[in-house]
Amino acid sequence: MQYLYCFANASLTLRIIDYVSKVVASRHHTLTVIYLVDRWVVQIDLQQALPPAQAADFNAVLDENGVPYQPTHLVGQALGGLEAGLTPTEVMNRYQVVVISHGAPSPEDLRCFRQRFVQGLGYCPINLV
Protein backbone atom coordinates (compact mmCIF):
# COMPACT_ATOMS: atom_id res chain seq x y z
CA MET A 1 0.00 0.00 0.00
CA GLN A 2 1.28 3.43 -0.82
CA TYR A 3 0.03 6.75 0.53
CA LEU A 4 1.17 10.11 -0.80
CA TYR A 5 0.03 13.21 1.07
CA CYS A 6 1.09 16.80 1.52
CA PHE A 7 0.95 18.78 4.74
CA ALA A 8 0.96 22.50 5.35
CA ASN A 9 3.61 22.69 8.05
CA ALA A 10 6.25 20.84 10.02
CA SER A 11 4.01 20.26 13.06
CA LEU A 12 1.44 18.34 11.02
CA THR A 13 4.21 16.38 9.33
CA LEU A 14 5.73 15.46 12.70
CA ARG A 15 2.30 14.40 13.94
CA ILE A 16 1.93 12.05 10.97
CA ILE A 17 5.44 10.63 11.39
CA ASP A 18 4.67 9.86 15.05
CA TYR A 19 1.30 8.38 14.14
CA VAL A 20 2.77 6.14 11.44
CA SER A 21 5.53 4.99 13.81
CA LYS A 22 2.95 3.91 16.38
CA VAL A 23 0.25 2.46 14.13
CA VAL A 24 2.31 0.47 11.65
CA ALA A 25 5.31 -0.25 13.86
CA SER A 26 4.89 -4.00 13.44
CA ARG A 27 4.73 -3.81 9.63
CA HIS A 28 7.70 -3.24 7.37
CA HIS A 29 7.32 0.26 5.96
CA THR A 30 9.23 3.12 4.39
CA LEU A 31 8.49 6.76 4.99
CA THR A 32 9.84 9.54 2.78
CA VAL A 33 9.63 13.22 3.68
CA ILE A 34 10.34 15.90 1.06
CA TYR A 35 10.29 19.61 1.83
CA LEU A 36 9.00 21.92 -0.88
CA VAL A 37 8.83 25.69 -0.48
CA ASP A 38 5.10 25.68 0.23
CA ARG A 39 4.40 22.17 1.58
CA TRP A 40 5.72 18.95 3.02
CA VAL A 41 5.29 15.79 0.96
CA VAL A 42 5.11 12.47 2.79
CA GLN A 43 5.09 9.11 1.06
CA ILE A 44 4.27 6.05 3.15
CA ASP A 45 4.95 2.63 1.66
CA LEU A 46 3.54 -0.36 3.52
CA GLN A 47 4.65 -3.85 2.54
CA GLN A 48 1.37 -5.32 3.80
CA ALA A 49 -2.10 -3.82 3.56
CA LEU A 50 -3.73 -2.78 6.80
CA PRO A 51 -6.89 -4.56 7.99
CA PRO A 52 -9.99 -2.73 6.71
CA ALA A 53 -10.91 -1.03 10.00
CA GLN A 54 -7.33 0.07 10.64
CA ALA A 55 -6.98 1.24 7.02
CA ALA A 56 -10.10 3.40 7.38
CA ASP A 57 -8.71 4.98 10.57
CA PHE A 58 -5.33 5.49 8.90
CA ASN A 59 -6.93 7.24 5.91
CA ALA A 60 -9.07 9.37 8.21
CA VAL A 61 -6.02 10.63 10.12
CA LEU A 62 -4.16 11.41 6.90
CA ASP A 63 -7.21 13.22 5.46
CA GLU A 64 -7.71 15.21 8.68
CA ASN A 65 -4.17 16.53 8.67
CA GLY A 66 -3.28 16.79 5.00
CA VAL A 67 -4.48 16.27 1.45
CA PRO A 68 -3.70 13.55 -1.09
CA TYR A 69 -0.85 14.71 -3.30
CA GLN A 70 -0.41 14.31 -7.04
CA PRO A 71 3.33 14.67 -7.52
CA THR A 72 4.76 17.09 -10.04
CA HIS A 73 7.03 15.57 -12.64
CA LEU A 74 10.12 16.54 -10.65
CA VAL A 75 8.84 15.18 -7.32
CA GLY A 76 7.70 12.00 -9.05
CA GLN A 77 11.17 11.52 -10.49
CA ALA A 78 12.74 12.17 -7.07
CA LEU A 79 10.49 9.59 -5.40
CA GLY A 80 11.24 7.14 -8.20
CA GLY A 81 14.96 7.72 -7.74
CA LEU A 82 14.72 6.96 -4.03
CA GLU A 83 12.76 3.78 -4.76
CA ALA A 84 15.38 2.80 -7.34
CA GLY A 85 18.08 2.97 -4.68
CA LEU A 86 19.59 6.41 -5.13
CA THR A 87 20.73 8.02 -1.91
CA PRO A 88 18.85 11.08 -0.65
CA THR A 89 21.92 13.20 -1.47
CA GLU A 90 22.01 11.92 -5.05
CA VAL A 91 18.29 12.65 -5.43
CA MET A 92 18.69 16.16 -4.01
CA ASN A 93 21.56 16.93 -6.38
CA ARG A 94 19.84 15.45 -9.42
CA TYR A 95 16.27 16.73 -8.94
CA GLN A 96 16.77 19.84 -6.78
CA VAL A 97 14.32 18.82 -4.06
CA VAL A 98 15.04 18.63 -0.33
CA VAL A 99 14.79 15.06 0.98
CA ILE A 100 14.47 15.25 4.75
CA SER A 101 14.36 11.52 5.34
CA HIS A 102 13.87 8.24 3.53
CA GLY A 103 13.53 4.85 5.16
CA ALA A 104 12.49 4.34 8.76
CA PRO A 105 10.42 7.21 10.17
CA SER A 106 12.75 9.77 11.74
CA PRO A 107 11.13 12.76 13.42
CA GLU A 108 14.57 13.87 14.60
CA ASP A 109 15.70 14.47 10.98
CA LEU A 110 12.81 16.88 10.48
CA ARG A 111 13.41 18.65 13.79
CA CYS A 112 17.10 19.10 12.95
CA PHE A 113 16.29 20.42 9.47
CA ARG A 114 13.75 22.86 10.87
CA GLN A 115 16.17 24.13 13.52
CA ARG A 116 18.99 24.71 11.02
CA PHE A 117 16.71 26.33 8.45
CA VAL A 118 15.23 28.74 10.99
CA GLN A 119 18.68 29.48 12.40
CA GLY A 120 19.94 30.35 8.92
CA LEU A 121 16.98 32.59 8.12
CA GLY A 122 16.77 34.28 11.48
CA TYR A 123 12.99 33.75 11.63
CA CYS A 124 10.50 30.90 11.34
CA PRO A 125 8.38 30.77 8.17
CA ILE A 126 4.81 29.60 8.69
CA ASN A 127 5.37 26.23 6.99
CA LEU A 128 8.15 25.38 9.46
CA VAL A 129 5.97 25.92 12.53
C-alpha atoms as a PDB file:
ATOM      1  CA  MET A   1       0.000   0.000   0.000  1.00  0.00           C
ATOM      2  CA  GLN A   2       1.277   3.433  -0.823  1.00  0.00           C
ATOM      3  CA  TYR A   3       0.027   6.745   0.528  1.00  0.00           C
ATOM      4  CA  LEU A   4       1.174  10.106  -0.804  1.00  0.00           C
ATOM      5  CA  TYR A   5       0.034  13.207   1.069  1.00  0.00           C
ATOM      6  CA  CYS A   6       1.093  16.796   1.517  1.00  0.00           C
ATOM      7  CA  PHE A   7       0.954  18.778   4.738  1.00  0.00           C
ATOM      8  CA  ALA A   8       0.955  22.503   5.347  1.00  0.00           C
ATOM      9  CA  ASN A   9       3.607  22.692   8.052  1.00  0.00           C
ATOM     10  CA  ALA A  10       6.246  20.836  10.019  1.00  0.00           C
ATOM     11  CA  SER A  11       4.006  20.262  13.058  1.00  0.00           C
ATOM     12  CA  LEU A  12       1.440  18.339  11.017  1.00  0.00           C
ATOM     13  CA  THR A  13       4.207  16.382   9.333  1.00  0.00           C
ATOM     14  CA  LEU A  14       5.732  15.459  12.695  1.00  0.00           C
ATOM     15  CA  ARG A  15       2.297  14.405  13.941  1.00  0.00           C
ATOM     16  CA  ILE A  16       1.932  12.052  10.965  1.00  0.00           C
ATOM     17  CA  ILE A  17       5.439  10.633  11.388  1.00  0.00           C
ATOM     18  CA  ASP A  18       4.674   9.863  15.047  1.00  0.00           C
ATOM     19  CA  TYR A  19       1.299   8.378  14.136  1.00  0.00           C
ATOM     20  CA  VAL A  20       2.773   6.144  11.439  1.00  0.00           C
ATOM     21  CA  SER A  21       5.525   4.989  13.807  1.00  0.00           C
ATOM     22  CA  LYS A  22       2.950   3.906  16.381  1.00  0.00           C
ATOM     23  CA  VAL A  23       0.247   2.456  14.128  1.00  0.00           C
ATOM     24  CA  VAL A  24       2.308   0.474  11.647  1.00  0.00           C
ATOM     25  CA  ALA A  25       5.309  -0.253  13.863  1.00  0.00           C
ATOM     26  CA  SER A  26       4.888  -4.002  13.438  1.00  0.00           C
ATOM     27  CA  ARG A  27       4.735  -3.808   9.631  1.00  0.00           C
ATOM     28  CA  HIS A  28       7.704  -3.235   7.366  1.00  0.00           C
ATOM     29  CA  HIS A  29       7.317   0.262   5.956  1.00  0.00           C
ATOM     30  CA  THR A  30       9.227   3.118   4.392  1.00  0.00           C
ATOM     31  CA  LEU A  31       8.492   6.765   4.993  1.00  0.00           C
ATOM     32  CA  THR A  32       9.839   9.536   2.784  1.00  0.00           C
ATOM     33  CA  VAL A  33       9.628  13.224   3.680  1.00  0.00           C
ATOM     34  CA  ILE A  34      10.341  15.896   1.056  1.00  0.00           C
ATOM     35  CA  TYR A  35      10.290  19.610   1.829  1.00  0.00           C
ATOM     36  CA  LEU A  36       9.004  21.921  -0.883  1.00  0.00           C
ATOM     37  CA  VAL A  37       8.825  25.690  -0.476  1.00  0.00           C
ATOM     38  CA  ASP A  38       5.096  25.678   0.228  1.00  0.00           C
ATOM     39  CA  ARG A  39       4.401  22.170   1.582  1.00  0.00           C
ATOM     40  CA  TRP A  40       5.723  18.952   3.019  1.00  0.00           C
ATOM     41  CA  VAL A  41       5.288  15.788   0.959  1.00  0.00           C
ATOM     42  CA  VAL A  42       5.114  12.473   2.790  1.00  0.00           C
ATOM     43  CA  GLN A  43       5.085   9.107   1.063  1.00  0.00           C
ATOM     44  CA  ILE A  44       4.272   6.055   3.152  1.00  0.00           C
ATOM     45  CA  ASP A  45       4.955   2.631   1.657  1.00  0.00           C
ATOM     46  CA  LEU A  46       3.539  -0.359   3.524  1.00  0.00           C
ATOM     47  CA  GLN A  47       4.653  -3.847   2.535  1.00  0.00           C
ATOM     48  CA  GLN A  48       1.367  -5.317   3.803  1.00  0.00           C
ATOM     49  CA  ALA A  49      -2.096  -3.823   3.560  1.00  0.00           C
ATOM     50  CA  LEU A  50      -3.732  -2.780   6.797  1.00  0.00           C
ATOM     51  CA  PRO A  51      -6.885  -4.564   7.990  1.00  0.00           C
ATOM     52  CA  PRO A  52      -9.989  -2.729   6.707  1.00  0.00           C
ATOM     53  CA  ALA A  53     -10.910  -1.028  10.005  1.00  0.00           C
ATOM     54  CA  GLN A  54      -7.334   0.073  10.644  1.00  0.00           C
ATOM     55  CA  ALA A  55      -6.983   1.245   7.019  1.00  0.00           C
ATOM     56  CA  ALA A  56     -10.101   3.399   7.382  1.00  0.00           C
ATOM     57  CA  ASP A  57      -8.710   4.977  10.567  1.00  0.00           C
ATOM     58  CA  PHE A  58      -5.332   5.486   8.905  1.00  0.00           C
ATOM     59  CA  ASN A  59      -6.929   7.238   5.912  1.00  0.00           C
ATOM     60  CA  ALA A  60      -9.068   9.374   8.206  1.00  0.00           C
ATOM     61  CA  VAL A  61      -6.020  10.627  10.121  1.00  0.00           C
ATOM     62  CA  LEU A  62      -4.162  11.405   6.902  1.00  0.00           C
ATOM     63  CA  ASP A  63      -7.206  13.217   5.461  1.00  0.00           C
ATOM     64  CA  GLU A  64      -7.711  15.209   8.682  1.00  0.00           C
ATOM     65  CA  ASN A  65      -4.168  16.533   8.670  1.00  0.00           C
ATOM     66  CA  GLY A  66      -3.278  16.792   4.997  1.00  0.00           C
ATOM     67  CA  VAL A  67      -4.484  16.268   1.454  1.00  0.00           C
ATOM     68  CA  PRO A  68      -3.699  13.546  -1.090  1.00  0.00           C
ATOM     69  CA  TYR A  69      -0.852  14.707  -3.298  1.00  0.00           C
ATOM     70  CA  GLN A  70      -0.412  14.314  -7.038  1.00  0.00           C
ATOM     71  CA  PRO A  71       3.333  14.675  -7.524  1.00  0.00           C
ATOM     72  CA  THR A  72       4.764  17.093 -10.037  1.00  0.00           C
ATOM     73  CA  HIS A  73       7.028  15.565 -12.642  1.00  0.00           C
ATOM     74  CA  LEU A  74      10.119  16.536 -10.654  1.00  0.00           C
ATOM     75  CA  VAL A  75       8.841  15.184  -7.324  1.00  0.00           C
ATOM     76  CA  GLY A  76       7.695  12.001  -9.046  1.00  0.00           C
ATOM     77  CA  GLN A  77      11.175  11.516 -10.489  1.00  0.00           C
ATOM     78  CA  ALA A  78      12.735  12.173  -7.075  1.00  0.00           C
ATOM     79  CA  LEU A  79      10.486   9.595  -5.403  1.00  0.00           C
ATOM     80  CA  GLY A  80      11.240   7.135  -8.197  1.00  0.00           C
ATOM     81  CA  GLY A  81      14.962   7.717  -7.744  1.00  0.00           C
ATOM     82  CA  LEU A  82      14.716   6.961  -4.033  1.00  0.00           C
ATOM     83  CA  GLU A  83      12.756   3.781  -4.757  1.00  0.00           C
ATOM     84  CA  ALA A  84      15.384   2.799  -7.338  1.00  0.00           C
ATOM     85  CA  GLY A  85      18.082   2.965  -4.680  1.00  0.00           C
ATOM     86  CA  LEU A  86      19.593   6.410  -5.127  1.00  0.00           C
ATOM     87  CA  THR A  87      20.732   8.023  -1.905  1.00  0.00           C
ATOM     88  CA  PRO A  88      18.853  11.082  -0.647  1.00  0.00           C
ATOM     89  CA  THR A  89      21.920  13.203  -1.465  1.00  0.00           C
ATOM     90  CA  GLU A  90      22.015  11.922  -5.051  1.00  0.00           C
ATOM     91  CA  VAL A  91      18.293  12.650  -5.428  1.00  0.00           C
ATOM     92  CA  MET A  92      18.691  16.163  -4.012  1.00  0.00           C
ATOM     93  CA  ASN A  93      21.563  16.929  -6.380  1.00  0.00           C
ATOM     94  CA  ARG A  94      19.841  15.453  -9.421  1.00  0.00           C
ATOM     95  CA  TYR A  95      16.265  16.734  -8.936  1.00  0.00           C
ATOM     96  CA  GLN A  96      16.771  19.836  -6.784  1.00  0.00           C
ATOM     97  CA  VAL A  97      14.316  18.823  -4.056  1.00  0.00           C
ATOM     98  CA  VAL A  98      15.035  18.627  -0.327  1.00  0.00           C
ATOM     99  CA  VAL A  99      14.790  15.061   0.978  1.00  0.00           C
ATOM    100  CA  ILE A 100      14.467  15.252   4.752  1.00  0.00           C
ATOM    101  CA  SER A 101      14.358  11.516   5.343  1.00  0.00           C
ATOM    102  CA  HIS A 102      13.874   8.243   3.529  1.00  0.00           C
ATOM    103  CA  GLY A 103      13.527   4.848   5.164  1.00  0.00           C
ATOM    104  CA  ALA A 104      12.493   4.338   8.759  1.00  0.00           C
ATOM    105  CA  PRO A 105      10.420   7.207  10.168  1.00  0.00           C
ATOM    106  CA  SER A 106      12.749   9.768  11.739  1.00  0.00           C
ATOM    107  CA  PRO A 107      11.134  12.763  13.419  1.00  0.00           C
ATOM    108  CA  GLU A 108      14.572  13.870  14.596  1.00  0.00           C
ATOM    109  CA  ASP A 109      15.700  14.474  10.980  1.00  0.00           C
ATOM    110  CA  LEU A 110      12.807  16.883  10.482  1.00  0.00           C
ATOM    111  CA  ARG A 111      13.407  18.651  13.790  1.00  0.00           C
ATOM    112  CA  CYS A 112      17.101  19.099  12.952  1.00  0.00           C
ATOM    113  CA  PHE A 113      16.290  20.420   9.466  1.00  0.00           C
ATOM    114  CA  ARG A 114      13.750  22.862  10.867  1.00  0.00           C
ATOM    115  CA  GLN A 115      16.167  24.132  13.517  1.00  0.00           C
ATOM    116  CA  ARG A 116      18.986  24.708  11.017  1.00  0.00           C
ATOM    117  CA  PHE A 117      16.709  26.331   8.450  1.00  0.00           C
ATOM    118  CA  VAL A 118      15.225  28.741  10.992  1.00  0.00           C
ATOM    119  CA  GLN A 119      18.675  29.484  12.395  1.00  0.00           C
ATOM    120  CA  GLY A 120      19.941  30.353   8.922  1.00  0.00           C
ATOM    121  CA  LEU A 121      16.980  32.591   8.118  1.00  0.00           C
ATOM    122  CA  GLY A 122      16.769  34.275  11.476  1.00  0.00           C
ATOM    123  CA  TYR A 123      12.994  33.755  11.631  1.00  0.00           C
ATOM    124  CA  CYS A 124      10.500  30.900  11.345  1.00  0.00           C
ATOM    125  CA  PRO A 125       8.381  30.774   8.169  1.00  0.00           C
ATOM    126  CA  ILE A 126       4.810  29.604   8.692  1.00  0.00           C
ATOM    127  CA  ASN A 127       5.368  26.226   6.991  1.00  0.00           C
ATOM    128  CA  LEU A 128       8.146  25.384   9.456  1.00  0.00           C
ATOM    129  CA  VAL A 129       5.969  25.921  12.534  1.00  0.00           C
END
